[in-house]
């Protein structure tokens, strides 16, 4: 095989490798915290450690079985977090800045996406 053909084969092989290798999911580094009342009526704190970016996340503990949403979100990740009043990133939204973003217990949330 000539040098030109070897280069073409190597380039095609690399291209196929790039196409078939899934991109590693990027993640926000740090922790996202929130408070909520459990179905049983207990105060609890929830958190997401290094959550994936660009993906809507419904907050654990405040799903359909819990009529009360979470409150007091705190974004301690290195990415912007947009919280939503409803599940599946629907309803009203509010952005929380990286590292220090937070809101009071008046902000009721059920889902979040990190950018």
N, C-alpha and C. Protein backbone atom coordinates (compact mmCIF):
# COMPACT_ATOMS: atom_id res chain seq x y z
N UNK A 1 0.85 -1.16 0.00
CA UNK A 1 0.00 0.00 0.00
C UNK A 1 0.90 1.23 0.00
N UNK A 2 0.59 2.22 -0.84
CA UNK A 2 1.40 3.43 -0.94
C UNK A 2 1.16 4.35 0.24
N UNK A 3 2.05 5.34 0.39
CA UNK A 3 1.96 6.28 1.51
C UNK A 3 0.65 7.06 1.48
N UNK A 4 0.19 7.44 0.28
CA UNK A 4 -1.07 8.19 0.17
C UNK A 4 -2.26 7.37 0.64
N UNK A 5 -2.26 6.09 0.26
CA UNK A 5 -3.36 5.21 0.68
C UNK A 5 -3.34 4.97 2.19
N UNK A 6 -2.15 4.84 2.77
CA UNK A 6 -2.04 4.63 4.22
C UNK A 6 -2.57 5.85 4.97
N UNK A 7 -2.23 7.04 4.47
CA UNK A 7 -2.73 8.26 5.12
C UNK A 7 -4.24 8.35 5.01
N UNK A 8 -4.78 8.03 3.85
CA UNK A 8 -6.23 8.05 3.66
C UNK A 8 -6.90 7.04 4.57
N UNK A 9 -6.35 5.84 4.66
CA UNK A 9 -6.92 4.81 5.54
C UNK A 9 -6.86 5.25 7.00
N UNK A 10 -5.75 5.86 7.41
CA UNK A 10 -5.63 6.34 8.79
C UNK A 10 -6.62 7.45 9.07
N UNK A 11 -6.79 8.37 8.12
CA UNK A 11 -7.74 9.46 8.30
C UNK A 11 -9.17 8.94 8.39
N UNK A 12 -9.51 7.98 7.52
CA UNK A 12 -10.86 7.40 7.57
C UNK A 12 -11.08 6.65 8.87
N UNK A 13 -10.06 5.92 9.32
CA UNK A 13 -10.17 5.19 10.59
C UNK A 13 -10.39 6.13 11.76
N UNK A 14 -9.65 7.23 11.76
CA UNK A 14 -9.81 8.22 12.83
C UNK A 14 -11.19 8.85 12.78
N UNK A 15 -11.68 9.12 11.56
CA UNK A 15 -13.02 9.70 11.41
C UNK A 15 -14.10 8.75 11.92
N UNK A 16 -13.96 7.49 11.61
CA UNK A 16 -14.94 6.50 12.09
C UNK A 16 -14.88 6.39 13.60
N UNK A 17 -13.67 6.42 14.16
CA UNK A 17 -13.51 6.36 15.61
C UNK A 17 -14.22 7.55 16.27
N UNK A 18 -14.07 8.74 15.70
CA UNK A 18 -14.74 9.92 16.27
C UNK A 18 -16.25 9.81 16.19
N UNK A 19 -16.75 9.23 15.12
CA UNK A 19 -18.20 9.10 14.95
C UNK A 19 -18.76 8.06 15.91
N UNK A 20 -18.05 6.96 16.12
CA UNK A 20 -18.60 5.87 16.93
C UNK A 20 -18.31 6.01 18.41
N UNK A 21 -17.37 6.84 18.79
CA UNK A 21 -17.05 7.03 20.20
C UNK A 21 -17.99 8.08 20.77
N UNK A 22 -18.80 7.73 21.77
CA UNK A 22 -19.71 8.72 22.31
C UNK A 22 -18.94 9.84 23.01
N UNK A 23 -19.44 11.04 22.84
CA UNK A 23 -18.81 12.18 23.51
C UNK A 23 -19.04 12.05 25.01
N UNK A 24 -18.01 12.35 25.77
CA UNK A 24 -18.20 12.26 27.21
C UNK A 24 -19.15 13.36 27.63
N UNK A 25 -20.07 13.02 28.50
CA UNK A 25 -21.06 13.98 28.96
C UNK A 25 -20.37 15.03 29.81
N UNK A 26 -20.66 16.27 29.49
CA UNK A 26 -20.07 17.32 30.31
C UNK A 26 -20.92 17.48 31.55
N UNK A 27 -20.31 17.87 32.60
CA UNK A 27 -21.02 18.00 33.86
C UNK A 27 -20.63 19.29 34.55
N UNK A 28 -21.55 19.81 35.31
CA UNK A 28 -21.25 20.95 36.17
C UNK A 28 -20.51 20.39 37.37
N UNK A 29 -19.43 21.02 37.75
CA UNK A 29 -18.66 20.56 38.89
C UNK A 29 -19.14 21.28 40.14
N UNK A 30 -19.42 20.53 41.17
CA UNK A 30 -19.89 21.11 42.42
C UNK A 30 -21.21 20.50 42.85
N UNK A 31 -21.93 21.22 43.70
CA UNK A 31 -23.17 20.69 44.26
C UNK A 31 -24.31 21.69 44.13
N UNK A 32 -25.48 21.17 43.80
CA UNK A 32 -26.71 21.94 43.78
C UNK A 32 -27.55 21.44 44.95
N UNK A 33 -28.00 22.35 45.80
CA UNK A 33 -28.76 21.97 47.01
C UNK A 33 -30.14 22.60 47.00
N UNK A 34 -31.07 21.96 47.68
CA UNK A 34 -32.41 22.50 47.84
C UNK A 34 -33.04 21.87 49.08
N UNK A 35 -34.06 22.52 49.59
CA UNK A 35 -34.79 22.01 50.75
C UNK A 35 -36.20 21.65 50.32
N UNK A 36 -36.81 20.73 51.06
CA UNK A 36 -38.19 20.34 50.77
C UNK A 36 -38.79 19.66 51.99
N UNK A 37 -40.10 19.47 51.94
CA UNK A 37 -40.82 18.74 52.98
C UNK A 37 -41.20 17.40 52.37
N UNK A 38 -40.85 16.32 53.06
CA UNK A 38 -41.15 14.98 52.55
C UNK A 38 -42.66 14.72 52.56
N UNK A 39 -43.06 13.67 51.90
CA UNK A 39 -44.47 13.28 51.88
C UNK A 39 -44.96 13.01 53.31
N UNK A 40 -44.04 12.53 54.17
CA UNK A 40 -44.39 12.25 55.57
C UNK A 40 -44.41 13.51 56.43
N UNK A 41 -44.00 14.67 55.87
CA UNK A 41 -44.03 15.92 56.60
C UNK A 41 -42.73 16.33 57.27
N UNK A 42 -41.62 15.67 56.95
CA UNK A 42 -40.33 15.99 57.54
C UNK A 42 -39.55 16.97 56.66
N UNK A 43 -38.82 17.88 57.29
CA UNK A 43 -37.91 18.77 56.56
C UNK A 43 -36.74 17.94 56.06
N UNK A 44 -36.34 18.18 54.82
CA UNK A 44 -35.23 17.44 54.24
C UNK A 44 -34.44 18.35 53.30
N UNK A 45 -33.22 17.95 53.04
CA UNK A 45 -32.38 18.64 52.05
C UNK A 45 -32.03 17.65 50.97
N UNK A 46 -32.07 18.12 49.75
CA UNK A 46 -31.68 17.31 48.61
C UNK A 46 -30.48 17.94 47.94
N UNK A 47 -29.74 17.14 47.18
CA UNK A 47 -28.60 17.69 46.47
C UNK A 47 -28.29 16.87 45.24
N UNK A 48 -27.67 17.53 44.29
CA UNK A 48 -27.18 16.90 43.07
C UNK A 48 -25.68 17.18 43.02
N UNK A 49 -24.87 16.15 42.99
CA UNK A 49 -23.41 16.31 42.91
C UNK A 49 -22.96 16.22 41.47
N UNK A 50 -22.22 17.23 41.02
CA UNK A 50 -21.70 17.30 39.66
C UNK A 50 -22.72 16.82 38.63
N UNK A 51 -23.85 17.53 38.55
CA UNK A 51 -24.93 17.12 37.64
C UNK A 51 -24.56 17.31 36.17
N UNK A 52 -25.16 16.53 35.28
CA UNK A 52 -24.88 16.67 33.85
C UNK A 52 -25.37 18.02 33.33
N UNK A 53 -24.68 18.53 32.33
CA UNK A 53 -25.05 19.81 31.73
C UNK A 53 -25.99 19.59 30.55
N UNK A 54 -26.87 20.57 30.32
CA UNK A 54 -27.74 20.55 29.15
C UNK A 54 -28.86 19.53 29.20
N UNK A 55 -29.15 19.02 30.36
CA UNK A 55 -30.17 17.98 30.51
C UNK A 55 -31.12 18.37 31.63
N UNK A 56 -32.41 18.32 31.37
CA UNK A 56 -33.40 18.66 32.40
C UNK A 56 -33.40 17.57 33.48
N UNK A 57 -33.31 18.00 34.73
CA UNK A 57 -33.32 17.07 35.85
C UNK A 57 -34.49 17.39 36.77
N UNK A 58 -35.37 16.43 36.98
CA UNK A 58 -36.42 16.59 37.98
C UNK A 58 -35.79 16.34 39.34
N UNK A 59 -36.08 17.21 40.30
CA UNK A 59 -35.45 17.12 41.61
C UNK A 59 -35.99 15.93 42.40
N UNK A 60 -35.10 15.05 42.88
CA UNK A 60 -35.52 13.92 43.69
C UNK A 60 -36.22 14.39 44.97
N UNK A 61 -37.30 13.71 45.34
CA UNK A 61 -38.02 14.02 46.57
C UNK A 61 -39.24 14.90 46.36
N UNK A 62 -39.33 15.54 45.20
CA UNK A 62 -40.46 16.44 44.96
C UNK A 62 -41.17 16.08 43.65
N UNK A 63 -41.26 14.79 43.41
CA UNK A 63 -41.92 14.30 42.20
C UNK A 63 -43.43 14.33 42.33
N UNK A 64 -44.10 13.59 41.47
CA UNK A 64 -45.56 13.58 41.42
C UNK A 64 -46.18 13.09 42.72
N UNK A 65 -45.48 12.25 43.47
CA UNK A 65 -46.03 11.74 44.72
C UNK A 65 -45.98 12.78 45.85
N UNK A 66 -45.23 13.87 45.66
CA UNK A 66 -45.12 14.90 46.69
C UNK A 66 -45.78 16.18 46.17
N UNK A 67 -46.89 16.60 46.77
CA UNK A 67 -47.58 17.80 46.29
C UNK A 67 -46.81 19.10 46.57
N UNK A 68 -45.83 19.07 47.46
CA UNK A 68 -45.08 20.27 47.80
C UNK A 68 -43.76 20.33 47.01
N UNK A 69 -43.50 21.44 46.34
CA UNK A 69 -42.25 21.57 45.61
C UNK A 69 -41.08 21.86 46.54
N UNK A 70 -39.89 21.81 46.00
CA UNK A 70 -38.68 22.18 46.74
C UNK A 70 -38.62 23.70 46.85
N UNK A 71 -37.75 24.17 47.74
CA UNK A 71 -37.55 25.61 47.90
C UNK A 71 -36.10 25.87 48.30
N UNK A 72 -35.74 27.13 48.35
CA UNK A 72 -34.40 27.57 48.77
C UNK A 72 -33.27 26.92 47.98
N UNK A 73 -33.32 26.95 46.64
CA UNK A 73 -32.23 26.33 45.86
C UNK A 73 -30.93 27.11 46.02
N UNK A 74 -29.83 26.37 46.03
CA UNK A 74 -28.49 26.96 46.14
C UNK A 74 -27.60 26.31 45.08
N UNK A 75 -27.08 27.13 44.19
CA UNK A 75 -26.21 26.61 43.13
C UNK A 75 -24.75 26.79 43.53
N UNK A 76 -24.10 25.70 43.87
CA UNK A 76 -22.69 25.72 44.23
C UNK A 76 -21.86 25.01 43.17
N UNK A 77 -22.39 24.95 41.94
CA UNK A 77 -21.65 24.35 40.84
C UNK A 77 -20.92 25.45 40.08
N UNK A 78 -20.13 25.06 39.10
CA UNK A 78 -19.41 26.03 38.28
C UNK A 78 -20.17 26.42 37.02
N UNK A 79 -21.46 26.06 36.93
CA UNK A 79 -22.29 26.36 35.76
C UNK A 79 -23.54 27.12 36.17
N UNK A 80 -24.12 27.85 35.23
CA UNK A 80 -25.40 28.49 35.49
C UNK A 80 -26.45 27.40 35.66
N UNK A 81 -27.35 27.58 36.61
CA UNK A 81 -28.47 26.65 36.82
C UNK A 81 -29.76 27.42 36.59
N UNK A 82 -30.64 26.87 35.79
CA UNK A 82 -31.96 27.48 35.60
C UNK A 82 -32.96 26.55 36.26
N UNK A 83 -33.63 27.06 37.30
CA UNK A 83 -34.62 26.26 38.01
C UNK A 83 -36.01 26.57 37.45
N UNK A 84 -36.89 25.57 37.54
CA UNK A 84 -38.24 25.69 36.99
C UNK A 84 -39.27 25.35 38.06
N UNK A 85 -40.42 26.01 37.98
CA UNK A 85 -41.48 25.79 38.96
C UNK A 85 -42.18 24.45 38.78
N UNK A 86 -42.09 23.86 37.59
CA UNK A 86 -42.74 22.59 37.32
C UNK A 86 -41.72 21.53 36.92
N UNK A 87 -42.14 20.28 36.94
CA UNK A 87 -41.29 19.18 36.50
C UNK A 87 -41.01 19.31 35.00
N UNK A 88 -40.03 18.59 34.54
CA UNK A 88 -39.66 18.54 33.12
C UNK A 88 -39.28 19.90 32.55
N UNK A 89 -38.73 20.77 33.40
CA UNK A 89 -38.27 22.12 33.01
C UNK A 89 -39.36 22.92 32.33
N UNK A 90 -40.53 22.87 32.93
CA UNK A 90 -41.67 23.65 32.45
C UNK A 90 -42.10 24.63 33.53
N UNK A 91 -42.92 25.58 33.14
CA UNK A 91 -43.38 26.60 34.07
C UNK A 91 -42.44 27.78 34.09
N UNK A 92 -42.56 28.61 35.11
CA UNK A 92 -41.70 29.77 35.24
C UNK A 92 -40.28 29.32 35.56
N UNK A 93 -39.30 30.11 35.12
CA UNK A 93 -37.90 29.76 35.35
C UNK A 93 -37.17 30.92 36.00
N UNK A 94 -36.05 30.58 36.64
CA UNK A 94 -35.23 31.57 37.34
C UNK A 94 -33.78 31.12 37.25
N UNK A 95 -32.87 31.96 36.73
CA UNK A 95 -31.46 31.57 36.64
C UNK A 95 -30.72 31.79 37.96
N UNK A 96 -29.83 30.87 38.28
CA UNK A 96 -28.97 30.98 39.47
C UNK A 96 -27.51 30.97 39.00
N UNK A 97 -26.77 31.99 39.37
CA UNK A 97 -25.38 32.12 38.93
C UNK A 97 -24.51 31.00 39.51
N UNK A 98 -23.39 30.73 38.86
CA UNK A 98 -22.46 29.71 39.37
C UNK A 98 -21.89 30.09 40.74
N UNK A 99 -21.57 29.10 41.52
CA UNK A 99 -20.87 29.19 42.81
C UNK A 99 -21.68 29.83 43.94
N UNK A 100 -22.36 30.93 43.70
CA UNK A 100 -23.01 31.64 44.81
C UNK A 100 -24.50 31.88 44.59
N UNK A 101 -25.06 31.38 43.52
CA UNK A 101 -26.48 31.63 43.22
C UNK A 101 -27.38 30.92 44.20
N UNK A 102 -28.42 31.62 44.61
CA UNK A 102 -29.37 31.02 45.54
C UNK A 102 -30.63 31.85 45.62
N UNK A 103 -31.64 31.28 46.22
CA UNK A 103 -32.91 31.97 46.38
C UNK A 103 -33.51 31.57 47.72
N UNK A 104 -34.49 32.33 48.15
CA UNK A 104 -35.14 32.08 49.44
C UNK A 104 -36.16 30.96 49.32
N UNK A 105 -36.80 30.68 50.44
CA UNK A 105 -37.81 29.62 50.44
C UNK A 105 -39.07 30.03 49.68
N UNK A 106 -39.16 31.29 49.28
CA UNK A 106 -40.31 31.72 48.48
C UNK A 106 -40.27 31.17 47.07
N UNK A 107 -39.06 30.84 46.57
CA UNK A 107 -38.94 30.28 45.23
C UNK A 107 -39.20 28.78 45.30
N UNK A 108 -40.28 28.34 44.68
CA UNK A 108 -40.67 26.92 44.67
C UNK A 108 -40.24 26.30 43.34
N UNK A 109 -39.53 25.18 43.41
CA UNK A 109 -38.97 24.58 42.21
C UNK A 109 -39.17 23.06 42.19
N UNK A 110 -39.18 22.50 40.97
CA UNK A 110 -39.30 21.05 40.79
C UNK A 110 -38.28 20.47 39.83
N UNK A 111 -37.62 21.32 39.04
CA UNK A 111 -36.63 20.82 38.08
C UNK A 111 -35.57 21.87 37.82
N UNK A 112 -34.46 21.41 37.19
CA UNK A 112 -33.32 22.29 36.96
C UNK A 112 -32.56 21.82 35.71
N UNK A 113 -31.93 22.75 35.03
CA UNK A 113 -31.01 22.44 33.94
C UNK A 113 -29.76 23.28 34.13
N UNK A 114 -28.60 22.68 33.87
CA UNK A 114 -27.32 23.37 34.03
C UNK A 114 -26.75 23.69 32.65
N UNK A 115 -26.28 24.92 32.48
CA UNK A 115 -25.75 25.37 31.17
C UNK A 115 -24.26 25.58 31.25
